[in-house]
Amino acid sequence: MKLTIVGSGTILPDPDRGPCALLIEAAGLRVLVDGGSGTLRTLTKLGHDPRELDAQVLSHRHLDHAGELPSLLFLHKVARRRRPFPIFGGGGLTTLIERIEAAFGELTADYGAPVTELSLRGPDGVALAPGLRLSTAPAVHKHGALHLAFEADGHRVVFSGDTGPSSALTQLCRGADLLVTECAYATPGEDHLCAAEIAAMVAEARPARVVLTHLYPDVDESTALATIAATGVRVERGFDGWSWEG
């Protein structure tokens, strides 16, 4: 299994960091996770053809995580895709797809984009393919927010999505090979994490490795890294193009 960070930033303009996007490659699939504006271009720069994506998973429906979805669906139409493009996410995703097509015209008729909505009330999961499983849990955020865990080949990687402190995320992280987590706030808040909250979670769950993304400008990177490193778990800041393979 391989994970690549496609977008490590926020919605704020940054020449080096695009809005949130990840790529999971496992069990013969290429799965896009989230996808803010510019994701198609960055995927291409990293050597991945967006036309060859097999599926998409959305952690939630905010624009910095899902804003590229209309362009991706339109790309598949223009490129004459003929195989389905499954999309997975929390409740409300079906309505989002319907509204995109109402706004931009019918995009998916030729290839189909079957939607699977995962529970916002408790743990859920689905086999994306033989040998690749997605497990989810509700995140402390809005608009269908989920934590995501991908398991393949005996490895597990976890993506926090946007969230406040979450016991469900701690549980998903237990024994994980990698945690990719937002660190949006410098101090505690209700709907995003700060370094001290991540450190407390990491100290309890002990994932093997932690990568920080989605830092807003008031977060001091060196302080955040030092706070989490004090747990004894390896931590670093991700960047567009960062990858892990297990």
C-alpha atoms as a PDB file:
ATOM      1  CA  MET A   1       0.000   0.000   0.000  1.00  0.00           C
ATOM      2  CA  LYS A   2       1.239   3.469  -0.883  1.00  0.00           C
ATOM      3  CA  LEU A   3      -0.058   6.857   0.275  1.00  0.00           C
ATOM      4  CA  THR A   4       0.875  10.109  -1.453  1.00  0.00           C
ATOM      5  CA  ILE A   5      -0.029  13.551  -0.150  1.00  0.00           C
ATOM      6  CA  VAL A   6      -1.306  15.476  -3.163  1.00  0.00           C
ATOM      7  CA  GLY A   7      -2.417  18.567  -1.245  1.00  0.00           C
ATOM      8  CA  SER A   8      -0.969  19.389   2.180  1.00  0.00           C
ATOM      9  CA  GLY A   9      -2.353  22.884   2.719  1.00  0.00           C
ATOM     10  CA  THR A  10      -5.580  24.752   3.323  1.00  0.00           C
ATOM     11  CA  ILE A  11      -7.867  26.887   1.189  1.00  0.00           C
ATOM     12  CA  LEU A  12      -5.534  29.866   1.750  1.00  0.00           C
ATOM     13  CA  PRO A  13      -3.374  30.491  -1.341  1.00  0.00           C
ATOM     14  CA  ASP A  14       0.086  28.939  -1.088  1.00  0.00           C
ATOM     15  CA  PRO A  15       2.423  28.442  -4.069  1.00  0.00           C
ATOM     16  CA  ASP A  16       3.804  25.235  -2.549  1.00  0.00           C
ATOM     17  CA  ARG A  17       0.756  23.623  -0.920  1.00  0.00           C
ATOM     18  CA  GLY A  18      -2.615  22.857  -2.430  1.00  0.00           C
ATOM     19  CA  PRO A  19      -5.845  22.164  -0.542  1.00  0.00           C
ATOM     20  CA  CYS A  20      -6.354  18.707   0.913  1.00  0.00           C
ATOM     21  CA  ALA A  21      -5.940  15.615  -1.267  1.00  0.00           C
ATOM     22  CA  LEU A  22      -4.358  12.178  -0.818  1.00  0.00           C
ATOM     23  CA  LEU A  23      -3.826   9.236  -3.139  1.00  0.00           C
ATOM     24  CA  ILE A  24      -4.056   5.636  -1.929  1.00  0.00           C
ATOM     25  CA  GLU A  25      -2.612   2.903  -4.148  1.00  0.00           C
ATOM     26  CA  ALA A  26      -3.371  -0.642  -3.042  1.00  0.00           C
ATOM     27  CA  ALA A  27      -4.915  -3.891  -4.294  1.00  0.00           C
ATOM     28  CA  GLY A  28      -4.635  -2.665  -7.859  1.00  0.00           C
ATOM     29  CA  LEU A  29      -6.700   0.479  -7.181  1.00  0.00           C
ATOM     30  CA  ARG A  30      -5.860   4.186  -7.273  1.00  0.00           C
ATOM     31  CA  VAL A  31      -8.185   5.926  -4.825  1.00  0.00           C
ATOM     32  CA  LEU A  32      -8.346   9.703  -4.518  1.00  0.00           C
ATOM     33  CA  VAL A  33      -9.086  10.860  -0.978  1.00  0.00           C
ATOM     34  CA  ASP A  34     -10.690  14.303  -0.889  1.00  0.00           C
ATOM     35  CA  GLY A  35      -9.567  16.789  -3.553  1.00  0.00           C
ATOM     36  CA  GLY A  36      -9.605  20.547  -3.167  1.00  0.00           C
ATOM     37  CA  SER A  37      -9.051  22.974  -6.031  1.00  0.00           C
ATOM     38  CA  GLY A  38      -5.989  22.228  -8.166  1.00  0.00           C
ATOM     39  CA  THR A  39      -5.911  18.513  -7.361  1.00  0.00           C
ATOM     40  CA  LEU A  40      -6.097  17.414 -11.009  1.00  0.00           C
ATOM     41  CA  ARG A  41      -3.104  19.545 -11.933  1.00  0.00           C
ATOM     42  CA  THR A  42      -1.034  18.438  -8.940  1.00  0.00           C
ATOM     43  CA  LEU A  43      -1.815  14.762  -9.563  1.00  0.00           C
ATOM     44  CA  THR A  44      -0.554  15.195 -13.111  1.00  0.00           C
ATOM     45  CA  LYS A  45       2.633  16.955 -11.940  1.00  0.00           C
ATOM     46  CA  LEU A  46       3.262  14.015  -9.583  1.00  0.00           C
ATOM     47  CA  GLY A  47       2.977  11.564 -12.469  1.00  0.00           C
ATOM     48  CA  HIS A  48      -0.586  10.309 -11.898  1.00  0.00           C
ATOM     49  CA  ASP A  49      -3.213  10.519 -14.640  1.00  0.00           C
ATOM     50  CA  PRO A  50      -6.529  11.605 -13.047  1.00  0.00           C
ATOM     51  CA  ARG A  51      -8.380   9.801 -15.843  1.00  0.00           C
ATOM     52  CA  GLU A  52      -7.081   6.517 -14.456  1.00  0.00           C
ATOM     53  CA  LEU A  53      -8.420   6.966 -10.921  1.00  0.00           C
ATOM     54  CA  ASP A  54     -10.594   4.057  -9.795  1.00  0.00           C
ATOM     55  CA  ALA A  55     -12.620   5.689  -6.999  1.00  0.00           C
ATOM     56  CA  GLN A  56     -12.857   8.671  -4.659  1.00  0.00           C
ATOM     57  CA  VAL A  57     -13.434   8.889  -0.910  1.00  0.00           C
ATOM     58  CA  LEU A  58     -14.491  12.191   0.664  1.00  0.00           C
ATOM     59  CA  SER A  59     -13.817  12.892   4.329  1.00  0.00           C
ATOM     60  CA  HIS A  60     -16.427  15.677   4.159  1.00  0.00           C
ATOM     61  CA  ARG A  61     -17.984  18.186   1.816  1.00  0.00           C
ATOM     62  CA  HIS A  62     -16.142  21.456   2.509  1.00  0.00           C
ATOM     63  CA  LEU A  63     -14.667  23.133  -0.568  1.00  0.00           C
ATOM     64  CA  ASP A  64     -11.026  22.730   0.460  1.00  0.00           C
ATOM     65  CA  HIS A  65     -11.630  18.950   0.507  1.00  0.00           C
ATOM     66  CA  ALA A  66     -14.205  18.442  -2.243  1.00  0.00           C
ATOM     67  CA  GLY A  67     -14.002  21.495  -4.495  1.00  0.00           C
ATOM     68  CA  GLU A  68     -12.377  19.644  -7.420  1.00  0.00           C
ATOM     69  CA  LEU A  69     -15.169  17.054  -7.628  1.00  0.00           C
ATOM     70  CA  PRO A  70     -17.170  18.803 -10.408  1.00  0.00           C
ATOM     71  CA  SER A  71     -14.014  19.129 -12.513  1.00  0.00           C
ATOM     72  CA  LEU A  72     -13.135  15.477 -11.957  1.00  0.00           C
ATOM     73  CA  LEU A  73     -16.589  14.304 -13.010  1.00  0.00           C
ATOM     74  CA  PHE A  74     -16.442  16.569 -16.065  1.00  0.00           C
ATOM     75  CA  LEU A  75     -12.970  15.244 -16.926  1.00  0.00           C
ATOM     76  CA  HIS A  76     -14.323  11.686 -16.972  1.00  0.00           C
ATOM     77  CA  LYS A  77     -17.094  12.794 -19.316  1.00  0.00           C
ATOM     78  CA  VAL A  78     -14.748  14.600 -21.715  1.00  0.00           C
ATOM     79  CA  ALA A  79     -12.264  11.698 -21.631  1.00  0.00           C
ATOM     80  CA  ARG A  80     -15.103   9.280 -22.550  1.00  0.00           C
ATOM     81  CA  ARG A  81     -14.753   7.123 -19.480  1.00  0.00           C
ATOM     82  CA  ARG A  82     -16.883   3.982 -19.741  1.00  0.00           C
ATOM     83  CA  ARG A  83     -16.259   2.273 -16.407  1.00  0.00           C
ATOM     84  CA  PRO A  84     -17.964   3.382 -13.174  1.00  0.00           C
ATOM     85  CA  PHE A  85     -16.325   5.889 -10.859  1.00  0.00           C
ATOM     86  CA  PRO A  86     -17.519   4.964  -7.337  1.00  0.00           C
ATOM     87  CA  ILE A  87     -17.608   7.728  -4.719  1.00  0.00           C
ATOM     88  CA  PHE A  88     -17.708   7.114  -0.958  1.00  0.00           C
ATOM     89  CA  GLY A  89     -18.447   9.554   1.857  1.00  0.00           C
ATOM     90  CA  GLY A  90     -20.742  10.543   4.676  1.00  0.00           C
ATOM     91  CA  GLY A  91     -24.447  11.224   4.589  1.00  0.00           C
ATOM     92  CA  GLY A  92     -25.436  13.976   2.162  1.00  0.00           C
ATOM     93  CA  LEU A  93     -23.057  12.867  -0.584  1.00  0.00           C
ATOM     94  CA  THR A  94     -25.837  11.698  -2.907  1.00  0.00           C
ATOM     95  CA  THR A  95     -27.484  15.109  -2.710  1.00  0.00           C
ATOM     96  CA  LEU A  96     -24.153  16.795  -3.471  1.00  0.00           C
ATOM     97  CA  ILE A  97     -23.699  14.770  -6.672  1.00  0.00           C
ATOM     98  CA  GLU A  98     -27.271  15.508  -7.719  1.00  0.00           C
ATOM     99  CA  ARG A  99     -26.745  19.234  -7.198  1.00  0.00           C
ATOM    100  CA  ILE A 100     -23.472  19.223  -9.123  1.00  0.00           C
ATOM    101  CA  GLU A 101     -25.240  17.663 -12.086  1.00  0.00           C
ATOM    102  CA  ALA A 102     -28.136  20.092 -11.765  1.00  0.00           C
ATOM    103  CA  ALA A 103     -25.709  23.010 -11.808  1.00  0.00           C
ATOM    104  CA  PHE A 104     -23.282  21.851 -14.504  1.00  0.00           C
ATOM    105  CA  GLY A 105     -25.360  19.512 -16.636  1.00  0.00           C
ATOM    106  CA  GLU A 106     -25.420  15.739 -16.704  1.00  0.00           C
ATOM    107  CA  LEU A 107     -21.825  14.609 -16.206  1.00  0.00           C
ATOM    108  CA  THR A 108     -21.927  10.943 -15.231  1.00  0.00           C
ATOM    109  CA  ALA A 109     -24.516   9.372 -17.559  1.00  0.00           C
ATOM    110  CA  ASP A 110     -21.959   7.609 -19.763  1.00  0.00           C
ATOM    111  CA  TYR A 111     -19.883   6.027 -17.002  1.00  0.00           C
ATOM    112  CA  GLY A 112     -21.886   6.165 -13.769  1.00  0.00           C
ATOM    113  CA  ALA A 113     -20.758   7.408 -10.380  1.00  0.00           C
ATOM    114  CA  PRO A 114     -22.355   5.095  -7.795  1.00  0.00           C
ATOM    115  CA  VAL A 115     -22.437   6.678  -4.345  1.00  0.00           C
ATOM    116  CA  THR A 116     -21.954   4.836  -1.064  1.00  0.00           C
ATOM    117  CA  GLU A 117     -22.913   6.852   2.024  1.00  0.00           C
ATOM    118  CA  LEU A 118     -21.215   5.728   5.235  1.00  0.00           C
ATOM    119  CA  SER A 119     -22.710   6.172   8.676  1.00  0.00           C
ATOM    120  CA  LEU A 120     -22.429   9.414  10.595  1.00  0.00           C
ATOM    121  CA  ARG A 121     -23.732   7.724  13.743  1.00  0.00           C
ATOM    122  CA  GLY A 122     -20.993   5.208  14.426  1.00  0.00           C
ATOM    123  CA  PRO A 123     -18.260   3.027  12.930  1.00  0.00           C
ATOM    124  CA  ASP A 124     -18.800   1.794   9.394  1.00  0.00           C
ATOM    125  CA  GLY A 125     -16.777   0.310   6.586  1.00  0.00           C
ATOM    126  CA  VAL A 126     -16.717  -1.151   3.108  1.00  0.00           C
ATOM    127  CA  ALA A 127     -14.409  -3.283   0.970  1.00  0.00           C
ATOM    128  CA  LEU A 128     -13.156  -1.058  -1.833  1.00  0.00           C
ATOM    129  CA  ALA A 129     -11.674  -4.145  -3.508  1.00  0.00           C
ATOM    130  CA  PRO A 130     -10.513  -7.607  -2.457  1.00  0.00           C
ATOM    131  CA  GLY A 131      -7.590  -6.788  -0.191  1.00  0.00           C
ATOM    132  CA  LEU A 132      -8.420  -3.116   0.425  1.00  0.00           C
ATOM    133  CA  ARG A 133     -10.840  -2.083   3.156  1.00  0.00           C
ATOM    134  CA  LEU A 134     -12.057   1.364   4.203  1.00  0.00           C
ATOM    135  CA  SER A 135     -13.157   1.800   7.822  1.00  0.00           C
ATOM    136  CA  THR A 136     -14.789   5.018   8.986  1.00  0.00           C
ATOM    137  CA  ALA A 137     -16.008   6.769  12.111  1.00  0.00           C
ATOM    138  CA  PRO A 138     -17.807  10.106  12.572  1.00  0.00           C
ATOM    139  CA  ALA A 139     -15.508  13.102  12.974  1.00  0.00           C
ATOM    140  CA  VAL A 140     -16.163  16.160  15.138  1.00  0.00           C
ATOM    141  CA  HIS A 141     -16.831  18.526  12.252  1.00  0.00           C
ATOM    142  CA  LYS A 142     -19.606  19.402   9.798  1.00  0.00           C
ATOM    143  CA  HIS A 143     -21.041  18.397   6.414  1.00  0.00           C
ATOM    144  CA  GLY A 144     -20.735  14.631   6.595  1.00  0.00           C
ATOM    145  CA  ALA A 145     -17.324  14.529   8.265  1.00  0.00           C
ATOM    146  CA  LEU A 146     -15.615  11.158   8.722  1.00  0.00           C
ATOM    147  CA  HIS A 147     -12.302   9.753   9.884  1.00  0.00           C
ATOM    148  CA  LEU A 148     -10.893   7.315   7.322  1.00  0.00           C
ATOM    149  CA  ALA A 149      -8.724   4.212   7.782  1.00  0.00           C
ATOM    150  CA  PHE A 150      -7.396   2.174   4.855  1.00  0.00           C
ATOM    151  CA  GLU A 151      -6.164  -1.398   5.375  1.00  0.00           C
ATOM    152  CA  ALA A 152      -4.248  -3.534   2.857  1.00  0.00           C
ATOM    153  CA  ASP A 153      -1.386  -6.029   2.895  1.00  0.00           C
ATOM    154  CA  GLY A 154      -1.317  -6.044   6.689  1.00  0.00           C
ATOM    155  CA  HIS A 155      -0.866  -2.268   6.901  1.00  0.00           C
ATOM    156  CA  ARG A 156      -3.219   0.454   8.073  1.00  0.00           C
ATOM    157  CA  VAL A 157      -3.105   4.185   7.401  1.00  0.00           C
ATOM    158  CA  VAL A 158      -5.479   6.648   9.048  1.00  0.00           C
ATOM    159  CA  PHE A 159      -6.584  10.080   7.872  1.00  0.00           C
ATOM    160  CA  SER A 160      -8.140  12.346  10.472  1.00  0.00           C
ATOM    161  CA  GLY A 161     -10.125  14.480   8.038  1.00  0.00           C
ATOM    162  CA  ASP A 162     -11.128  17.762   9.650  1.00  0.00           C
ATOM    163  CA  THR A 163     -12.089  17.223  13.267  1.00  0.00           C
ATOM    164  CA  GLY A 164     -12.038  18.412  16.817  1.00  0.00           C
ATOM    165  CA  PRO A 165     -10.765  16.054  19.537  1.00  0.00           C
ATOM    166  CA  SER A 166     -12.261  12.637  18.861  1.00  0.00           C
ATOM    167  CA  SER A 167     -12.183   9.385  20.820  1.00  0.00           C
ATOM    168  CA  ALA A 168     -13.211   7.614  17.610  1.00  0.00           C
ATOM    169  CA  LEU A 169     -10.044   8.861  15.901  1.00  0.00           C
ATOM    170  CA  THR A 170      -7.937   7.678  18.831  1.00  0.00           C
ATOM    171  CA  GLN A 171      -9.460   4.235  18.484  1.00  0.00           C
ATOM    172  CA  LEU A 172      -8.792   4.086  14.736  1.00  0.00           C
ATOM    173  CA  CYS A 173      -5.158   5.081  15.343  1.00  0.00           C
ATOM    174  CA  ARG A 174      -4.329   2.236  17.710  1.00  0.00           C
ATOM    175  CA  GLY A 175      -1.587   0.220  16.079  1.00  0.00           C
ATOM    176  CA  ALA A 176      -1.747   2.163  12.805  1.00  0.00           C
ATOM    177  CA  ASP A 177       1.341   2.328  10.618  1.00  0.00           C
ATOM    178  CA  LEU A 178       0.667   5.950   9.710  1.00  0.00           C
ATOM    179  CA  LEU A 179      -1.585   8.790  10.873  1.00  0.00           C
ATOM    180  CA  VAL A 180      -2.061  11.738   8.526  1.00  0.00           C
ATOM    181  CA  THR A 181      -3.709  14.407  10.625  1.00  0.00           C
ATOM    182  CA  GLU A 182      -4.761  18.005  10.317  1.00  0.00           C
ATOM    183  CA  CYS A 183      -3.175  20.470  12.739  1.00  0.00           C
ATOM    184  CA  ALA A 184      -5.174  23.551  11.864  1.00  0.00           C
ATOM    185  CA  TYR A 185      -5.223  25.428  15.174  1.00  0.00           C
ATOM    186  CA  ALA A 186      -2.524  26.819  17.442  1.00  0.00           C
ATOM    187  CA  THR A 187      -4.774  26.429  20.490  1.00  0.00           C
ATOM    188  CA  PRO A 188      -7.719  24.133  21.275  1.00  0.00           C
ATOM    189  CA  GLY A 189     -10.948  24.637  19.338  1.00  0.00           C
ATOM    190  CA  GLU A 190     -14.159  22.749  18.723  1.00  0.00           C
ATOM    191  CA  ASP A 191     -13.838  21.652  15.093  1.00  0.00           C
ATOM    192  CA  HIS A 192     -10.096  21.370  14.371  1.00  0.00           C
ATOM    193  CA  LEU A 193      -7.083  19.948  16.191  1.00  0.00           C
ATOM    194  CA  CYS A 194      -4.064  21.650  17.735  1.00  0.00           C
ATOM    195  CA  ALA A 195      -0.692  20.059  18.441  1.00  0.00           C
ATOM    196  CA  ALA A 196      -1.354  19.499  22.154  1.00  0.00           C
ATOM    197  CA  GLU A 197      -4.543  17.575  21.339  1.00  0.00           C
ATOM    198  CA  ILE A 198      -2.757  15.511  18.706  1.00  0.00           C
ATOM    199  CA  ALA A 199       0.033  14.748  21.191  1.00  0.00           C
ATOM    200  CA  ALA A 200      -2.465  13.493  23.776  1.00  0.00           C
ATOM    201  CA  MET A 201      -4.097  11.240  21.188  1.00  0.00           C
ATOM    202  CA  VAL A 202      -0.766   9.937  19.896  1.00  0.00           C
ATOM    203  CA  ALA A 203       0.479   9.215  23.416  1.00  0.00           C
ATOM    204  CA  GLU A 204      -2.561   6.999  23.970  1.00  0.00           C
ATOM    205  CA  ALA A 205      -2.955   5.344  20.562  1.00  0.00           C
ATOM    206  CA  ARG A 206       0.746   5.011  19.610  1.00  0.00           C
ATOM    207  CA  PRO A 207       0.603   5.017  15.803  1.00  0.00           C
ATOM    208  CA  ALA A 208       4.010   4.225  14.333  1.00  0.00           C
ATOM    209  CA  ARG A 209       4.329   7.532  12.490  1.00  0.00           C
ATOM    210  CA  VAL A 210       2.501  10.878  12.287  1.00  0.00           C
ATOM    211  CA  VAL A 211       2.378  13.388   9.454  1.00  0.00           C
ATOM    212  CA  LEU A 212       0.878  16.855   9.925  1.00  0.00           C
ATOM    213  CA  THR A 213      -1.101  18.660   7.236  1.00  0.00           C
ATOM    214  CA  HIS A 214      -3.631  21.497   7.001  1.00  0.00           C
ATOM    215  CA  LEU A 215      -1.718  24.013   9.156  1.00  0.00           C
ATOM    216  CA  TYR A 216      -3.135  27.518   9.164  1.00  0.00           C
ATOM    217  CA  PRO A 217      -0.609  30.411   9.327  1.00  0.00           C
ATOM    218  CA  ASP A 218      -0.894  30.992  13.074  1.00  0.00           C
ATOM    219  CA  VAL A 219       0.365  27.455  13.806  1.00  0.00           C
ATOM    220  CA  ASP A 220       4.101  27.483  14.524  1.00  0.00           C
ATOM    221  CA  GLU A 221       5.409  24.390  12.731  1.00  0.00           C
ATOM    222  CA  SER A 222       8.489  23.826  14.899  1.00  0.00           C
ATOM    223  CA  THR A 223       6.494  24.123  18.133  1.00  0.00           C
ATOM    224  CA  ALA A 224       3.807  21.767  16.848  1.00  0.00           C
ATOM    225  CA  LEU A 225       6.359  19.158  15.797  1.00  0.00           C
ATOM    226  CA  ALA A 226       8.232  19.389  19.091  1.00  0.00           C
ATOM    227  CA  THR A 227       5.022  19.028  21.089  1.00  0.00           C
ATOM    228  CA  ILE A 228       4.096  15.805  19.310  1.00  0.00           C
ATOM    229  CA  ALA A 229       7.664  14.470  19.152  1.00  0.00           C
ATOM    230  CA  ALA A 230       7.746  14.569  22.967  1.00  0.00           C
ATOM    231  CA  THR A 231       5.501  11.476  22.885  1.00  0.00           C
ATOM    232  CA  GLY A 232       8.369   9.491  21.355  1.00  0.00           C
ATOM    233  CA  VAL A 233       6.454   8.883  18.119  1.00  0.00           C
ATOM    234  CA  ARG A 234       8.063   9.936  14.846  1.00  0.00           C
ATOM    235  CA  VAL A 235       6.396  13.064  13.460  1.00  0.00           C
ATOM    236  CA  GLU A 236       6.976  15.343  10.489  1.00  0.00           C
ATOM    237  CA  ARG A 237       5.153  17.887   8.387  1.00  0.00           C
ATOM    238  CA  GLY A 238       3.841  16.616   5.084  1.00  0.00           C
ATOM    239  CA  PHE A 239       4.229  18.404   1.767  1.00  0.00           C
ATOM    240  CA  ASP A 240       2.728  18.048  -1.690  1.00  0.00           C
ATOM    241  CA  GLY A 241       4.344  14.929  -3.118  1.00  0.00           C
ATOM    242  CA  TRP A 242       5.252  13.359   0.253  1.00  0.00           C
ATOM    243  CA  SER A 243       4.734   9.585   0.156  1.00  0.00           C
ATOM    244  CA  TRP A 244       4.769   6.518   2.363  1.00  0.00           C
ATOM    245  CA  GLU A 245       4.824   2.890   1.321  1.00  0.00           C
ATOM    246  CA  GLY A 246       4.300  -0.158   3.476  1.00  0.00           C
END
